[in-house]
Amino acid sequence: MLGDLFHLQRIDVYLFLIFAAVMVLAVRGQIPQVETVRKLIATFDDRGGVILLLALFTAWSFATSIRLFYWALGLISSGHLDAKDAVLMMALTWVTGSVWGLFAGALLKTLTGAQTVAPPMAVSSGMPATPGPAVTIPVPATSSTTVNVSSDPPPPPAKP
């Protein structure tokens, strides 16, 4: 009833509650320190944190796909949508293949314990090295020299 009166959406109420909670904490002087927040975020930067986040996102995407299936079945049974509608098929394919498969695949890859190998990076630019005879990378402004970095693998050692 209040939502009809002021045209409030659920997200508006959530944002207001979060804002009000932060204001109450600020008035009481109980806002967490930056170092405390940094430590909390650092807990997700290890293998256990990644597994936890991937498990949560996998469960969330699975629940979303189930809700989409039931919503689509409701539209079909009420006659609002044809069972062969291309948009519906595309949405179901996207949810089951892309969204759920993305998180579930990443979770399985993480749980196997295999180490991922990052592509080789250029010395100072942070960009992946491109194939070629040599890459010239300027060093930051503290020096006037350039560094030549070969992006080709080194030749095998000579046999004695």
Foldseek 3Di string as FASTA:
>chain_A
DVCVVVVDDPVNVVVVVVVVVVVVCVVVVNDDDPVVVVVVVVVLVDLVNVLVVLVVQLVVLVVVLVVLVVVVVVCCVVPVDPPPDPVSVVVNCCSVPPRNVVSVVVNVVSVVVDDDDDADADDPPRHHDDADQWDWDQDPPVDGDIDIDGPDDDDDDDDD
